[in-house]
Amino acid sequence: MDKVLDRKIKLIWDFRGPGAARTAEHYRKHLEEFIVIEELKFDITGHKHISPTHSITFMVVAEFELPEVKDILKPHRGEVYLDGF
């Protein structure tokens, strides 16, 4: 397989407002379920609280999975994922 398609891509969803932290944590559970159902290559998810009114949730997919996952889940943004970052 092409090296480029072996990259890990971090898909990110932003949540804003007073309930952002709880929403991000809850959305992560749905992403974990999606990974199992769709049998994705990686099971890397997480959430991070940026401020009291901004939190993110993320999942990591293999680049070859990106088009389908992106169409279904509609992430707000993405970036190349480097292990541990």
Protein backbone atom coordinates (compact mmCIF):
# COMPACT_ATOMS: atom_id res chain seq x y z
CA MET A 1 0.00 0.00 0.00
CA ASP A 2 1.12 3.52 -0.74
CA LYS A 3 2.92 5.16 2.20
CA VAL A 4 0.64 8.20 2.00
CA LEU A 5 -2.46 6.07 2.53
CA ASP A 6 -0.85 4.53 5.63
CA ARG A 7 -0.96 7.86 7.48
CA LYS A 8 -3.16 8.26 10.54
CA ILE A 9 -5.66 11.11 10.33
CA LYS A 10 -7.12 12.77 13.43
CA LEU A 11 -10.71 13.87 12.85
CA ILE A 12 -11.85 16.62 15.23
CA TRP A 13 -15.24 17.89 16.36
CA ASP A 14 -15.50 21.21 18.22
CA PHE A 15 -18.17 21.82 20.85
CA ARG A 16 -18.82 25.27 22.26
CA GLY A 17 -20.97 26.72 25.00
CA PRO A 18 -21.59 25.99 28.67
CA GLY A 19 -22.28 22.28 27.99
CA ALA A 20 -19.29 21.75 25.69
CA ALA A 21 -17.37 19.47 28.07
CA ARG A 22 -20.27 17.08 28.68
CA THR A 23 -21.21 17.05 25.00
CA ALA A 24 -17.64 16.24 23.93
CA GLU A 25 -17.38 13.40 26.45
CA HIS A 26 -20.73 11.99 25.33
CA TYR A 27 -19.87 12.25 21.62
CA ARG A 28 -16.69 10.29 22.25
CA LYS A 29 -18.83 7.32 23.34
CA HIS A 30 -20.64 7.42 20.01
CA LEU A 31 -17.33 7.50 18.14
CA GLU A 32 -16.13 4.44 20.09
CA GLU A 33 -19.34 2.60 19.11
CA PHE A 34 -18.88 3.62 15.47
CA ILE A 35 -15.32 2.26 15.44
CA VAL A 36 -16.53 -1.15 16.63
CA ILE A 37 -19.52 -1.32 14.29
CA GLU A 38 -17.55 -0.25 11.23
CA GLU A 39 -14.49 -2.34 12.21
CA LEU A 40 -12.09 0.55 11.68
CA LYS A 41 -8.34 -0.04 11.77
CA PHE A 42 -7.63 2.08 14.87
CA ASP A 43 -9.50 2.52 18.13
CA ILE A 44 -7.95 5.82 19.14
CA THR A 45 -10.37 8.43 20.50
CA GLY A 46 -10.22 11.21 23.03
CA HIS A 47 -11.55 14.51 24.22
CA LYS A 48 -9.89 17.65 25.48
CA HIS A 49 -11.26 20.67 27.30
CA ILE A 50 -9.77 23.78 25.73
CA SER A 51 -11.63 26.28 27.93
CA PRO A 52 -14.83 26.30 30.04
CA THR A 53 -16.82 26.85 26.86
CA HIS A 54 -14.80 24.96 24.23
CA SER A 55 -14.06 21.23 24.11
CA ILE A 56 -13.08 18.87 21.34
CA THR A 57 -13.59 15.20 20.64
CA PHE A 58 -11.40 13.29 18.21
CA MET A 59 -10.90 9.93 16.59
CA VAL A 60 -8.03 8.60 14.50
CA VAL A 61 -8.63 6.79 11.22
CA ALA A 62 -6.39 5.27 8.58
CA GLU A 63 -6.15 7.56 5.58
CA PHE A 64 -7.79 4.98 3.30
CA GLU A 65 -10.86 5.07 5.60
CA LEU A 66 -11.05 8.87 5.54
CA PRO A 67 -13.45 9.48 2.63
CA GLU A 68 -16.17 7.16 3.92
CA VAL A 69 -15.85 8.16 7.59
CA LYS A 70 -15.76 11.85 6.70
CA ASP A 71 -18.95 11.56 4.64
CA ILE A 72 -20.80 9.75 7.43
CA LEU A 73 -19.62 11.64 10.53
CA LYS A 74 -18.89 15.11 9.10
CA PRO A 75 -15.96 16.18 11.31
CA HIS A 76 -15.28 19.89 11.67
CA ARG A 77 -11.60 19.53 10.82
CA GLY A 78 -8.72 17.09 10.62
CA GLU A 79 -4.96 16.81 10.77
CA VAL A 80 -2.25 14.22 10.36
CA TYR A 81 -1.94 12.29 13.64
CA LEU A 82 1.48 11.70 15.09
CA ASP A 83 1.60 8.98 17.74
CA GLY A 84 1.47 10.47 21.21
CA PHE A 85 0.44 13.95 20.11
